[in-house]
Amino acid sequence: MADVVIVDYGAGNLRSVARAVARAGVEPEVTALPRAIEQARALILPGVGAAADTMRNLREGGLDGPIRDYIASGRPFLGVCMGMQALFEVSEEEGEHACLGVFGGRIVRFPQGTKVPHMGWNTVRRRFNHPVFEGIPQDSYFYFVHSYYPQPADDSIIVGETEYLGLKFASAVGRDNVLATQFHPEKSGPWGLKLYENFLRLARERGSIAPVAATR
């Protein structure tokens, strides 16, 4: 059984994610094989690009079902950027595209007149303490590149928020064994590396990343 699997569905940032995971102390398996997802102990779904391409590639590769099944199994899962957006029900990027439906809600574009993409460093303010953010100061800076953001149907899944040109959006979401970030931890310096280290440590030590006693 593979320890850490990074899903390869043709996204462009696989190497940077794999390097960050390796720097955090674990050699990952980067693969497009559904069987590897089924056997993983920890799963990372990265991604850049458009929702339509992402979902088409996942479906054509036979990866969407195994990803849903993996998440339902309760094992640790980390989604990054497009890997976060793919977890919601629908993306409005260039039309309407059905996504994985793990979380209720939609992916929407920043309002007209807002400079897009939102690119560069910005802070993340956590709503509650989450173990994957352990040791990372409140309002730490992370690196963003995106023009769309999630609108969760259930606010309780919002772990962290970021403000961009007066609009506050969910930049980290999570529930049970799932955590996902709109920002790119692999491009976010020491705090991004710390996030990967925490995710991998929790997956290794207790097989779960869920908060034990989250306080809001």
N, C-alpha and C. Protein backbone atom coordinates (compact mmCIF):
# COMPACT_ATOMS: atom_id res chain seq x y z
N MET A 1 0.85 -1.20 0.00
CA MET A 1 0.00 0.00 0.00
C MET A 1 0.88 1.24 0.00
N ALA A 2 0.64 2.17 -0.93
CA ALA A 2 1.43 3.40 -1.00
C ALA A 2 1.14 4.29 0.20
N ASP A 3 2.18 4.95 0.70
CA ASP A 3 1.97 5.85 1.82
C ASP A 3 1.26 7.12 1.39
N VAL A 4 1.85 7.85 0.43
CA VAL A 4 1.30 9.12 -0.02
C VAL A 4 1.18 9.09 -1.54
N VAL A 5 0.00 9.32 -2.04
CA VAL A 5 -0.26 9.33 -3.48
C VAL A 5 -0.68 10.73 -3.90
N ILE A 6 -0.04 11.25 -4.94
CA ILE A 6 -0.43 12.51 -5.57
C ILE A 6 -1.11 12.16 -6.89
N VAL A 7 -2.33 12.62 -7.08
CA VAL A 7 -3.12 12.25 -8.25
C VAL A 7 -2.63 13.02 -9.47
N ASP A 8 -2.27 12.30 -10.51
CA ASP A 8 -1.81 12.88 -11.77
C ASP A 8 -2.94 12.80 -12.79
N TYR A 9 -3.59 13.93 -13.05
CA TYR A 9 -4.63 13.96 -14.08
C TYR A 9 -4.29 14.99 -15.15
N GLY A 10 -3.00 15.31 -15.27
CA GLY A 10 -2.56 16.25 -16.29
C GLY A 10 -2.39 17.67 -15.79
N ALA A 11 -2.49 17.89 -14.47
CA ALA A 11 -2.31 19.23 -13.92
C ALA A 11 -0.85 19.64 -14.02
N GLY A 12 -0.60 20.95 -13.99
CA GLY A 12 0.73 21.45 -14.26
C GLY A 12 1.64 21.63 -13.06
N ASN A 13 1.15 21.44 -11.83
CA ASN A 13 2.00 21.73 -10.68
C ASN A 13 2.38 20.47 -9.91
N LEU A 14 2.37 19.33 -10.58
CA LEU A 14 2.66 18.08 -9.89
C LEU A 14 4.08 18.05 -9.32
N ARG A 15 5.04 18.52 -10.10
CA ARG A 15 6.43 18.44 -9.65
C ARG A 15 6.67 19.27 -8.40
N SER A 16 6.10 20.48 -8.36
CA SER A 16 6.31 21.33 -7.19
C SER A 16 5.65 20.73 -5.95
N VAL A 17 4.48 20.11 -6.12
CA VAL A 17 3.83 19.45 -4.98
C VAL A 17 4.66 18.26 -4.52
N ALA A 18 5.14 17.45 -5.48
CA ALA A 18 5.94 16.27 -5.13
C ALA A 18 7.23 16.69 -4.41
N ARG A 19 7.85 17.78 -4.87
CA ARG A 19 9.07 18.26 -4.21
C ARG A 19 8.79 18.70 -2.78
N ALA A 20 7.66 19.40 -2.59
CA ALA A 20 7.31 19.86 -1.25
C ALA A 20 7.05 18.69 -0.31
N VAL A 21 6.37 17.67 -0.80
CA VAL A 21 6.10 16.49 0.02
C VAL A 21 7.42 15.78 0.36
N ALA A 22 8.30 15.67 -0.61
CA ALA A 22 9.59 15.04 -0.36
C ALA A 22 10.40 15.83 0.66
N ARG A 23 10.36 17.16 0.55
CA ARG A 23 11.07 18.01 1.53
C ARG A 23 10.48 17.85 2.93
N ALA A 24 9.19 17.52 2.98
CA ALA A 24 8.54 17.30 4.27
C ALA A 24 8.84 15.92 4.83
N GLY A 25 9.59 15.11 4.09
CA GLY A 25 10.08 13.86 4.64
C GLY A 25 9.50 12.58 4.10
N VAL A 26 8.66 12.67 3.05
CA VAL A 26 8.05 11.47 2.49
C VAL A 26 8.19 11.49 0.97
N GLU A 27 8.62 10.39 0.40
CA GLU A 27 8.68 10.27 -1.05
C GLU A 27 7.31 9.84 -1.56
N PRO A 28 6.61 10.71 -2.31
CA PRO A 28 5.26 10.38 -2.76
C PRO A 28 5.28 9.55 -4.04
N GLU A 29 4.16 8.93 -4.32
CA GLU A 29 3.93 8.27 -5.60
C GLU A 29 3.01 9.18 -6.43
N VAL A 30 3.50 9.63 -7.56
CA VAL A 30 2.69 10.45 -8.48
C VAL A 30 2.14 9.51 -9.54
N THR A 31 0.83 9.40 -9.61
CA THR A 31 0.25 8.37 -10.46
C THR A 31 -1.12 8.74 -10.98
N ALA A 32 -1.47 8.17 -12.12
CA ALA A 32 -2.80 8.32 -12.70
C ALA A 32 -3.58 7.00 -12.61
N LEU A 33 -3.10 6.05 -11.83
CA LEU A 33 -3.73 4.74 -11.73
C LEU A 33 -4.81 4.73 -10.65
N PRO A 34 -6.05 4.42 -11.00
CA PRO A 34 -7.10 4.34 -9.98
C PRO A 34 -6.77 3.38 -8.85
N ARG A 35 -6.08 2.28 -9.17
CA ARG A 35 -5.74 1.29 -8.15
C ARG A 35 -4.85 1.89 -7.07
N ALA A 36 -3.95 2.79 -7.46
CA ALA A 36 -3.07 3.41 -6.48
C ALA A 36 -3.85 4.29 -5.51
N ILE A 37 -4.88 4.98 -6.02
CA ILE A 37 -5.74 5.78 -5.16
C ILE A 37 -6.46 4.89 -4.15
N GLU A 38 -6.95 3.78 -4.60
CA GLU A 38 -7.67 2.86 -3.73
C GLU A 38 -6.79 2.35 -2.59
N GLN A 39 -5.48 2.23 -2.84
CA GLN A 39 -4.57 1.65 -1.85
C GLN A 39 -3.83 2.70 -1.02
N ALA A 40 -4.01 3.98 -1.30
CA ALA A 40 -3.23 5.02 -0.64
C ALA A 40 -3.56 5.13 0.85
N ARG A 41 -2.56 5.53 1.62
CA ARG A 41 -2.77 5.85 3.03
C ARG A 41 -3.08 7.34 3.21
N ALA A 42 -2.56 8.18 2.29
CA ALA A 42 -2.84 9.61 2.28
C ALA A 42 -2.89 10.04 0.83
N LEU A 43 -3.83 10.91 0.49
CA LEU A 43 -4.06 11.29 -0.90
C LEU A 43 -4.03 12.80 -1.04
N ILE A 44 -3.32 13.27 -2.08
CA ILE A 44 -3.26 14.71 -2.39
C ILE A 44 -3.76 14.91 -3.81
N LEU A 45 -4.73 15.81 -3.95
CA LEU A 45 -5.26 16.19 -5.26
C LEU A 45 -4.86 17.63 -5.54
N PRO A 46 -3.80 17.85 -6.32
CA PRO A 46 -3.36 19.20 -6.64
C PRO A 46 -4.10 19.71 -7.88
N GLY A 47 -3.66 20.83 -8.43
CA GLY A 47 -4.25 21.24 -9.69
C GLY A 47 -4.16 22.71 -9.99
N VAL A 48 -3.97 22.99 -11.26
CA VAL A 48 -4.12 24.33 -11.83
C VAL A 48 -4.89 24.16 -13.13
N GLY A 49 -5.51 25.23 -13.59
CA GLY A 49 -6.23 25.14 -14.84
C GLY A 49 -7.73 25.28 -14.67
N ALA A 50 -8.46 24.88 -15.70
CA ALA A 50 -9.91 25.10 -15.76
C ALA A 50 -10.67 23.91 -15.20
N ALA A 51 -11.85 24.21 -14.64
CA ALA A 51 -12.69 23.17 -14.04
C ALA A 51 -13.13 22.14 -15.07
N ALA A 52 -13.53 22.61 -16.26
CA ALA A 52 -14.01 21.68 -17.28
C ALA A 52 -12.94 20.66 -17.65
N ASP A 53 -11.71 21.14 -17.85
CA ASP A 53 -10.61 20.24 -18.19
C ASP A 53 -10.31 19.29 -17.04
N THR A 54 -10.31 19.82 -15.84
CA THR A 54 -10.02 18.99 -14.67
C THR A 54 -11.02 17.85 -14.54
N MET A 55 -12.30 18.17 -14.58
CA MET A 55 -13.32 17.13 -14.40
C MET A 55 -13.34 16.16 -15.57
N ARG A 56 -13.13 16.65 -16.77
CA ARG A 56 -13.06 15.73 -17.92
C ARG A 56 -11.91 14.75 -17.77
N ASN A 57 -10.75 15.27 -17.37
CA ASN A 57 -9.59 14.39 -17.21
C ASN A 57 -9.79 13.38 -16.09
N LEU A 58 -10.39 13.81 -14.99
CA LEU A 58 -10.65 12.89 -13.90
C LEU A 58 -11.61 11.78 -14.33
N ARG A 59 -12.66 12.16 -15.04
CA ARG A 59 -13.64 11.14 -15.47
C ARG A 59 -13.06 10.21 -16.52
N GLU A 60 -12.38 10.78 -17.51
CA GLU A 60 -11.82 9.95 -18.58
C GLU A 60 -10.74 9.02 -18.05
N GLY A 61 -10.05 9.44 -16.99
CA GLY A 61 -9.03 8.59 -16.39
C GLY A 61 -9.58 7.60 -15.37
N GLY A 62 -10.90 7.63 -15.16
CA GLY A 62 -11.50 6.74 -14.18
C GLY A 62 -11.08 7.05 -12.75
N LEU A 63 -10.81 8.33 -12.48
CA LEU A 63 -10.28 8.74 -11.19
C LEU A 63 -11.34 9.33 -10.26
N ASP A 64 -12.44 9.83 -10.83
CA ASP A 64 -13.43 10.53 -10.00
C ASP A 64 -14.06 9.60 -8.98
N GLY A 65 -14.47 8.41 -9.40
CA GLY A 65 -15.07 7.45 -8.47
C GLY A 65 -14.12 7.02 -7.37
N PRO A 66 -12.89 6.61 -7.72
CA PRO A 66 -11.93 6.23 -6.67
C PRO A 66 -11.62 7.36 -5.69
N ILE A 67 -11.59 8.61 -6.16
CA ILE A 67 -11.35 9.73 -5.25
C ILE A 67 -12.51 9.87 -4.26
N ARG A 68 -13.74 9.80 -4.77
CA ARG A 68 -14.91 9.87 -3.87
C ARG A 68 -14.87 8.72 -2.85
N ASP A 69 -14.58 7.51 -3.35
CA ASP A 69 -14.55 6.35 -2.46
C ASP A 69 -13.45 6.49 -1.41
N TYR A 70 -12.29 7.01 -1.84
CA TYR A 70 -11.20 7.21 -0.89
C TYR A 70 -11.63 8.17 0.22
N ILE A 71 -12.22 9.29 -0.16
CA ILE A 71 -12.66 10.27 0.84
C ILE A 71 -13.69 9.65 1.78
N ALA A 72 -14.61 8.88 1.22
CA ALA A 72 -15.64 8.23 2.04
C ALA A 72 -15.06 7.21 3.01
N SER A 73 -13.86 6.71 2.72
CA SER A 73 -13.23 5.72 3.59
C SER A 73 -12.69 6.31 4.88
N GLY A 74 -12.55 7.65 4.93
CA GLY A 74 -12.07 8.31 6.13
C GLY A 74 -10.57 8.52 6.19
N ARG A 75 -9.85 8.16 5.13
CA ARG A 75 -8.40 8.36 5.13
C ARG A 75 -8.06 9.82 4.80
N PRO A 76 -6.86 10.27 5.21
CA PRO A 76 -6.49 11.69 5.06
C PRO A 76 -6.43 12.13 3.60
N PHE A 77 -7.04 13.28 3.33
CA PHE A 77 -7.11 13.84 1.98
C PHE A 77 -6.77 15.32 2.02
N LEU A 78 -5.92 15.76 1.08
CA LEU A 78 -5.57 17.17 0.95
C LEU A 78 -5.81 17.61 -0.49
N GLY A 79 -6.63 18.65 -0.67
CA GLY A 79 -6.87 19.23 -1.99
C GLY A 79 -6.20 20.59 -2.07
N VAL A 80 -5.62 20.90 -3.24
CA VAL A 80 -4.88 22.15 -3.42
C VAL A 80 -5.37 22.87 -4.67
N CYS A 81 -5.79 24.12 -4.52
CA CYS A 81 -6.22 25.01 -5.61
C CYS A 81 -7.35 24.36 -6.41
N MET A 82 -7.11 23.94 -7.64
CA MET A 82 -8.16 23.29 -8.41
C MET A 82 -8.60 22.00 -7.72
N GLY A 83 -7.69 21.39 -6.99
CA GLY A 83 -8.04 20.20 -6.21
C GLY A 83 -9.00 20.51 -5.08
N MET A 84 -9.04 21.76 -4.64
CA MET A 84 -10.05 22.21 -3.69
C MET A 84 -11.38 22.46 -4.41
N GLN A 85 -11.32 23.21 -5.51
CA GLN A 85 -12.54 23.57 -6.20
C GLN A 85 -13.29 22.35 -6.73
N ALA A 86 -12.55 21.32 -7.11
CA ALA A 86 -13.18 20.11 -7.65
C ALA A 86 -14.02 19.38 -6.61
N LEU A 87 -13.84 19.69 -5.34
CA LEU A 87 -14.59 19.01 -4.28
C LEU A 87 -16.03 19.49 -4.18
N PHE A 88 -16.34 20.65 -4.75
CA PHE A 88 -17.69 21.21 -4.61
C PHE A 88 -18.64 20.64 -5.66
N GLU A 89 -19.89 21.05 -5.58
CA GLU A 89 -20.90 20.47 -6.47
C GLU A 89 -20.80 20.97 -7.90
N VAL A 90 -20.63 22.29 -8.05
CA VAL A 90 -20.68 22.90 -9.37
C VAL A 90 -19.64 24.01 -9.47
N SER A 91 -18.97 24.09 -10.61
CA SER A 91 -18.11 25.24 -10.91
C SER A 91 -18.76 26.05 -12.03
N GLU A 92 -18.74 27.37 -11.86
CA GLU A 92 -19.30 28.26 -12.87
C GLU A 92 -18.22 28.79 -13.82
N GLU A 93 -17.07 28.15 -13.85
CA GLU A 93 -15.99 28.59 -14.71
C GLU A 93 -16.28 28.24 -16.16
N GLU A 94 -16.55 29.28 -16.97
CA GLU A 94 -16.85 29.11 -18.39
C GLU A 94 -18.01 28.15 -18.61
N GLY A 95 -19.12 28.45 -17.95
CA GLY A 95 -20.30 27.60 -18.02
C GLY A 95 -20.56 26.98 -16.66
N GLU A 96 -21.33 25.90 -16.64
CA GLU A 96 -21.57 25.16 -15.40
C GLU A 96 -21.06 23.75 -15.58
N HIS A 97 -20.26 23.32 -14.62
CA HIS A 97 -19.63 22.01 -14.71
C HIS A 97 -19.82 21.28 -13.39
N ALA A 98 -20.40 20.08 -13.45
CA ALA A 98 -20.55 19.26 -12.26
C ALA A 98 -19.18 18.80 -11.78
N CYS A 99 -18.97 18.92 -10.47
CA CYS A 99 -17.70 18.51 -9.87
C CYS A 99 -17.93 17.27 -9.00
N LEU A 100 -17.06 17.03 -8.04
CA LEU A 100 -17.11 15.78 -7.29
C LEU A 100 -18.24 15.73 -6.26
N GLY A 101 -18.71 16.88 -5.81
CA GLY A 101 -19.85 16.91 -4.90
C GLY A 101 -19.55 16.43 -3.49
N VAL A 102 -18.30 16.50 -3.08
CA VAL A 102 -17.95 16.13 -1.70
C VAL A 102 -18.50 17.18 -0.73
N PHE A 103 -18.41 18.44 -1.10
CA PHE A 103 -18.98 19.54 -0.33
C PHE A 103 -20.12 20.17 -1.12
N GLY A 104 -21.13 20.64 -0.42
CA GLY A 104 -22.18 21.41 -1.07
C GLY A 104 -21.68 22.81 -1.36
N GLY A 105 -22.14 23.37 -2.48
CA GLY A 105 -21.75 24.73 -2.82
C GLY A 105 -21.23 24.84 -4.23
N ARG A 106 -20.88 26.09 -4.58
CA ARG A 106 -20.49 26.40 -5.95
C ARG A 106 -19.14 27.12 -5.99
N ILE A 107 -18.50 27.03 -7.13
CA ILE A 107 -17.29 27.79 -7.40
C ILE A 107 -17.69 28.94 -8.32
N VAL A 108 -17.42 30.17 -7.89
CA VAL A 108 -17.89 31.36 -8.61
C VAL A 108 -16.71 32.28 -8.92
N ARG A 109 -16.89 33.15 -9.90
CA ARG A 109 -15.85 34.09 -10.31
C ARG A 109 -15.86 35.31 -9.41
N PHE A 110 -14.70 35.91 -9.20
CA PHE A 110 -14.66 37.19 -8.50
C PHE A 110 -15.56 38.18 -9.24
N PRO A 111 -16.18 39.11 -8.52
CA PRO A 111 -17.14 40.04 -9.14
C PRO A 111 -16.52 40.82 -10.29
N GLN A 112 -17.39 41.20 -11.23
CA GLN A 112 -16.95 42.00 -12.37
C GLN A 112 -16.31 43.30 -11.88
N GLY A 113 -15.21 43.66 -12.48
CA GLY A 113 -14.47 44.84 -12.07
C GLY A 113 -13.33 44.53 -11.11
N THR A 114 -13.32 43.31 -10.56
CA THR A 114 -12.23 42.90 -9.68
C THR A 114 -11.05 42.43 -10.53
N LYS A 115 -9.87 42.85 -10.19
CA LYS A 115 -8.70 42.41 -10.92
C LYS A 115 -8.48 40.92 -10.72
N VAL A 116 -8.43 40.17 -11.81
CA VAL A 116 -8.16 38.75 -11.75
C VAL A 116 -7.03 38.41 -12.73
N PRO A 117 -6.28 37.37 -12.44
CA PRO A 117 -6.44 36.53 -11.25
C PRO A 117 -5.96 37.21 -9.98
N HIS A 118 -6.48 36.73 -8.86
CA HIS A 118 -5.92 37.08 -7.56
C HIS A 118 -4.59 36.34 -7.49
N MET A 119 -3.50 37.06 -7.59
CA MET A 119 -2.18 36.44 -7.70
C MET A 119 -1.21 37.07 -6.72
N GLY A 120 -0.52 36.23 -5.98
CA GLY A 120 0.50 36.71 -5.07
C GLY A 120 0.22 36.29 -3.64
N TRP A 121 0.88 36.97 -2.71
CA TRP A 121 0.82 36.60 -1.30
C TRP A 121 -0.34 37.29 -0.60
N ASN A 122 -1.04 36.52 0.23
CA ASN A 122 -2.13 37.07 1.01
C ASN A 122 -2.27 36.26 2.30
N THR A 123 -2.94 36.85 3.26
CA THR A 123 -3.06 36.20 4.56
C THR A 123 -4.25 35.26 4.62
N VAL A 124 -4.16 34.31 5.53
CA VAL A 124 -5.26 33.39 5.82
C VAL A 124 -5.58 33.51 7.30
N ARG A 125 -6.81 33.88 7.60
CA ARG A 125 -7.27 33.97 8.99
C ARG A 125 -8.14 32.75 9.29
N ARG A 126 -7.70 31.95 10.24
CA ARG A 126 -8.42 30.73 10.58
C ARG A 126 -9.62 31.04 11.47
N ARG A 127 -10.71 30.33 11.19
CA ARG A 127 -11.90 30.45 12.03
C ARG A 127 -11.78 29.61 13.29
N PHE A 128 -11.05 28.51 13.19
CA PHE A 128 -10.83 27.65 14.35
C PHE A 128 -9.52 26.91 14.16
N ASN A 129 -9.04 26.35 15.24
CA ASN A 129 -7.77 25.63 15.19
C ASN A 129 -7.95 24.30 14.49
N HIS A 130 -7.14 24.07 13.48
CA HIS A 130 -7.17 22.80 12.75
C HIS A 130 -5.79 22.19 12.84
N PRO A 131 -5.69 20.87 13.07
CA PRO A 131 -4.38 20.26 13.30
C PRO A 131 -3.41 20.40 12.13
N VAL A 132 -3.91 20.54 10.90
CA VAL A 132 -2.99 20.70 9.77
C VAL A 132 -2.33 22.08 9.79
N PHE A 133 -2.91 23.03 10.53
CA PHE A 133 -2.32 24.37 10.68
C PHE A 133 -1.54 24.52 11.99
N GLU A 134 -1.30 23.42 12.68
CA GLU A 134 -0.60 23.49 13.95
C GLU A 134 0.79 24.12 13.77
N GLY A 135 1.11 25.08 14.62
CA GLY A 135 2.41 25.73 14.56
C GLY A 135 2.51 26.84 13.52
N ILE A 136 1.45 27.09 12.78
CA ILE A 136 1.43 28.15 11.77
C ILE A 136 0.69 29.35 12.36
N PRO A 137 1.33 30.51 12.46
CA PRO A 137 0.68 31.66 13.10
C PRO A 137 -0.58 32.11 12.37
N GLN A 138 -1.50 32.64 13.14
CA GLN A 138 -2.68 33.26 12.55
C GLN A 138 -2.26 34.38 11.59
N ASP A 139 -2.99 34.53 10.50
CA ASP A 139 -2.73 35.56 9.50
C ASP A 139 -1.39 35.40 8.79
N SER A 140 -0.91 34.16 8.70
CA SER A 140 0.30 33.91 7.92
C SER A 140 0.01 34.10 6.44
N TYR A 141 1.05 34.41 5.68
CA TYR A 141 0.92 34.64 4.24
C TYR A 141 1.12 33.34 3.46
N PHE A 142 0.26 33.16 2.44
CA PHE A 142 0.36 32.04 1.52
C PHE A 142 0.21 32.57 0.09
N TYR A 143 0.58 31.75 -0.86
CA TYR A 143 0.61 32.19 -2.26
C TYR A 143 -0.64 31.72 -3.02
N PHE A 144 -1.29 32.68 -3.70
CA PHE A 144 -2.54 32.43 -4.43
C PHE A 144 -2.37 32.71 -5.92
N VAL A 145 -3.07 31.92 -6.74
CA VAL A 145 -3.24 32.22 -8.17
C VAL A 145 -4.61 31.66 -8.57
N HIS A 146 -5.63 32.52 -8.66
CA HIS A 146 -6.96 32.02 -9.02
C HIS A 146 -7.89 33.18 -9.38
N SER A 147 -8.89 32.85 -10.18
CA SER A 147 -9.92 33.83 -10.57
C SER A 147 -11.30 33.44 -10.04
N TYR A 148 -11.41 32.23 -9.50
CA TYR A 148 -12.67 31.71 -8.96
C TYR A 148 -12.44 31.28 -7.51
N TYR A 149 -13.51 31.25 -6.74
CA TYR A 149 -13.40 30.90 -5.33
C TYR A 149 -14.65 30.16 -4.89
N PRO A 150 -14.58 29.41 -3.79
CA PRO A 150 -15.75 28.62 -3.36
C PRO A 150 -16.75 29.42 -2.55
N GLN A 151 -18.02 29.09 -2.74
CA GLN A 151 -19.10 29.56 -1.89
C GLN A 151 -19.74 28.33 -1.27
N PRO A 152 -19.25 27.89 -0.11
CA PRO A 152 -19.78 26.68 0.51
C PRO A 152 -21.24 26.84 0.92
N ALA A 153 -22.01 25.76 0.77
CA ALA A 153 -23.39 25.77 1.23
C ALA A 153 -23.45 25.73 2.75
N ASP A 154 -22.42 25.19 3.38
CA ASP A 154 -22.36 25.06 4.83
C ASP A 154 -21.13 25.80 5.33
N ASP A 155 -21.35 26.91 6.02
CA ASP A 155 -20.23 27.73 6.51
C ASP A 155 -19.36 26.99 7.51
N SER A 156 -19.87 25.92 8.12
CA SER A 156 -19.09 25.23 9.15
C SER A 156 -17.86 24.54 8.59
N ILE A 157 -17.79 24.35 7.27
CA ILE A 157 -16.60 23.71 6.69
C ILE A 157 -15.47 24.72 6.45
N ILE A 158 -15.74 26.01 6.63
CA ILE A 158 -14.71 27.03 6.38
C ILE A 158 -13.70 27.01 7.51
N VAL A 159 -12.47 26.64 7.19
CA VAL A 159 -11.38 26.61 8.16
C VAL A 159 -10.67 27.96 8.20
N GLY A 160 -10.45 28.55 7.02
CA GLY A 160 -9.74 29.82 6.94
C GLY A 160 -10.32 30.72 5.87
N GLU A 161 -10.15 32.03 6.05
CA GLU A 161 -10.68 33.02 5.11
C GLU A 161 -9.59 34.00 4.71
N THR A 162 -9.76 34.55 3.52
CA THR A 162 -8.83 35.54 2.98
C THR A 162 -9.64 36.69 2.39
N GLU A 163 -9.13 37.91 2.53
CA GLU A 163 -9.80 39.07 1.95
C GLU A 163 -9.02 39.57 0.74
N TYR A 164 -9.75 39.77 -0.35
CA TYR A 164 -9.13 40.29 -1.57
C TYR A 164 -9.99 41.42 -2.11
N LEU A 165 -9.46 42.61 -2.12
CA LEU A 165 -10.15 43.80 -2.63
C LEU A 165 -11.54 43.94 -2.01
N GLY A 166 -11.61 43.73 -0.71
CA GLY A 166 -12.85 43.93 0.03
C GLY A 166 -13.76 42.73 0.07
N LEU A 167 -13.45 41.66 -0.64
CA LEU A 167 -14.28 40.45 -0.65
C LEU A 167 -13.60 39.38 0.19
N LYS A 168 -14.32 38.85 1.15
CA LYS A 168 -13.80 37.78 1.99
C LYS A 168 -14.29 36.44 1.44
N PHE A 169 -13.35 35.51 1.23
CA PHE A 169 -13.73 34.21 0.68
C PHE A 169 -13.06 33.09 1.47
N ALA A 170 -13.63 31.91 1.34
CA ALA A 170 -13.09 30.72 2.00
C ALA A 170 -11.82 30.29 1.29
N SER A 171 -10.70 30.36 1.98
CA SER A 171 -9.42 29.96 1.38
C SER A 171 -8.91 28.63 1.91
N ALA A 172 -9.57 28.09 2.92
CA ALA A 172 -9.29 26.73 3.40
C ALA A 172 -10.59 26.15 3.92
N VAL A 173 -10.90 24.94 3.50
CA VAL A 173 -12.13 24.28 3.94
C VAL A 173 -11.77 22.87 4.42
N GLY A 174 -12.60 22.34 5.28
CA GLY A 174 -12.32 21.01 5.78
C GLY A 174 -13.49 20.41 6.53
N ARG A 175 -13.52 19.09 6.53
CA ARG A 175 -14.50 18.34 7.31
C ARG A 175 -13.96 16.92 7.49
N ASP A 176 -13.96 16.48 8.73
CA ASP A 176 -13.49 15.14 9.04
C ASP A 176 -12.08 14.90 8.48
N ASN A 177 -11.95 13.99 7.53
CA ASN A 177 -10.64 13.60 7.01
C ASN A 177 -10.17 14.45 5.84
N VAL A 178 -10.91 15.49 5.48
CA VAL A 178 -10.61 16.29 4.30
C VAL A 178 -10.18 17.70 4.69
N LEU A 179 -9.08 18.16 4.11
CA LEU A 179 -8.71 19.57 4.17
C LEU A 179 -8.34 19.99 2.76
N ALA A 180 -8.74 21.20 2.38
CA ALA A 180 -8.40 21.71 1.05
C ALA A 180 -8.13 23.20 1.13
N THR A 181 -7.17 23.65 0.31
CA THR A 181 -6.77 25.05 0.33
C THR A 181 -6.86 25.65 -1.06
N GLN A 182 -7.30 26.91 -1.12
CA GLN A 182 -7.28 27.63 -2.40
C GLN A 182 -5.87 28.08 -2.73
N PHE A 183 -5.07 28.35 -1.73
CA PHE A 183 -3.68 28.75 -1.95
C PHE A 183 -2.81 27.53 -2.23
N HIS A 184 -1.58 27.80 -2.67
CA HIS A 184 -0.62 26.75 -3.00
C HIS A 184 0.41 26.63 -1.87
N PRO A 185 0.27 25.66 -0.96
CA PRO A 185 1.28 25.50 0.09
C PRO A 185 2.68 25.25 -0.48
N GLU A 186 2.77 24.55 -1.60
CA GLU A 186 4.08 24.22 -2.17
C GLU A 186 4.82 25.44 -2.70
N LYS A 187 4.12 26.58 -2.83
CA LYS A 187 4.73 27.82 -3.29
C LYS A 187 4.76 28.88 -2.18
N SER A 188 4.50 28.44 -0.96
CA SER A 188 4.27 29.38 0.14
C SER A 188 5.36 29.39 1.19
N GLY A 189 6.56 29.00 0.82
CA GLY A 189 7.68 29.11 1.75
C GLY A 189 7.55 28.20 2.96
N PRO A 190 8.14 28.61 4.09
CA PRO A 190 8.20 27.73 5.27
C PRO A 190 6.84 27.37 5.85
N TRP A 191 5.87 28.28 5.80
CA TRP A 191 4.56 27.93 6.37
C TRP A 191 3.82 26.93 5.48
N GLY A 192 4.01 27.04 4.17
CA GLY A 192 3.43 26.03 3.29
C GLY A 192 4.04 24.67 3.51
N LEU A 193 5.37 24.64 3.68
CA LEU A 193 6.04 23.37 3.96
C LEU A 193 5.58 22.81 5.30
N LYS A 194 5.37 23.69 6.28
CA LYS A 194 4.87 23.24 7.58
C LYS A 194 3.50 22.60 7.45
N LEU A 195 2.65 23.15 6.59
CA LEU A 195 1.32 22.57 6.38
C LEU A 195 1.44 21.15 5.83
N TYR A 196 2.32 20.96 4.84
CA TYR A 196 2.53 19.61 4.32
C TYR A 196 3.09 18.69 5.39
N GLU A 197 4.03 19.18 6.18
CA GLU A 197 4.61 18.37 7.26
C GLU A 197 3.54 17.92 8.24
N ASN A 198 2.64 18.85 8.62
CA ASN A 198 1.57 18.52 9.55
C ASN A 198 0.63 17.48 8.96
N PHE A 199 0.25 17.68 7.69
CA PHE A 199 -0.65 16.72 7.04
C PHE A 199 -0.03 15.33 7.03
N LEU A 200 1.23 15.23 6.65
CA LEU A 200 1.89 13.93 6.56
C LEU A 200 2.11 13.31 7.94
N ARG A 201 2.45 14.13 8.93
CA ARG A 201 2.65 13.61 10.28
C ARG A 201 1.36 13.05 10.84
N LEU A 202 0.27 13.79 10.69
CA LEU A 202 -1.02 13.32 11.20
C LEU A 202 -1.47 12.05 10.49
N ALA A 203 -1.26 12.01 9.17
CA ALA A 203 -1.63 10.81 8.42
C ALA A 203 -0.83 9.61 8.91
N ARG A 204 0.44 9.83 9.21
CA ARG A 204 1.31 8.73 9.64
C ARG A 204 1.01 8.31 11.08
N GLU A 205 0.83 9.29 11.98
CA GLU A 205 0.72 8.97 13.40
C GLU A 205 -0.65 8.45 13.79
N ARG A 206 -1.71 9.02 13.22
CA ARG A 206 -3.04 8.60 13.67
C ARG A 206 -3.98 8.26 12.54
N GLY A 207 -3.50 8.37 11.31
CA GLY A 207 -4.34 8.00 10.16
C GLY A 207 -5.53 8.91 9.99
N SER A 208 -5.48 10.11 10.56
CA SER A 208 -6.59 11.05 10.46
C SER A 208 -6.05 12.47 10.60
N ILE A 209 -6.71 13.40 9.93
CA ILE A 209 -6.34 14.81 10.08
C ILE A 209 -7.49 15.61 10.69
N ALA A 210 -8.55 14.92 11.11
CA ALA A 210 -9.72 15.60 11.64
C ALA A 210 -9.41 16.24 12.97
N PRO A 211 -9.94 17.45 13.23
CA PRO A 211 -9.77 18.06 14.56
C PRO A 211 -10.35 17.16 15.65
N VAL A 212 -9.63 17.00 16.73
CA VAL A 212 -10.10 16.18 17.83
C VAL A 212 -11.13 16.95 18.66
N ALA A 213 -10.84 18.22 18.90
CA ALA A 213 -11.76 19.04 19.71
C ALA A 213 -11.68 20.46 19.20
N ALA A 214 -12.20 20.68 18.00
CA ALA A 214 -12.14 22.03 17.41
C ALA A 214 -13.05 22.96 18.20
N THR A 215 -12.56 24.17 18.44
CA THR A 215 -13.36 25.19 19.12
C THR A 215 -13.52 26.38 18.20
N ARG A 216 -14.72 26.84 18.05
CA ARG A 216 -14.99 27.95 17.15
C ARG A 216 -15.01 29.25 17.93
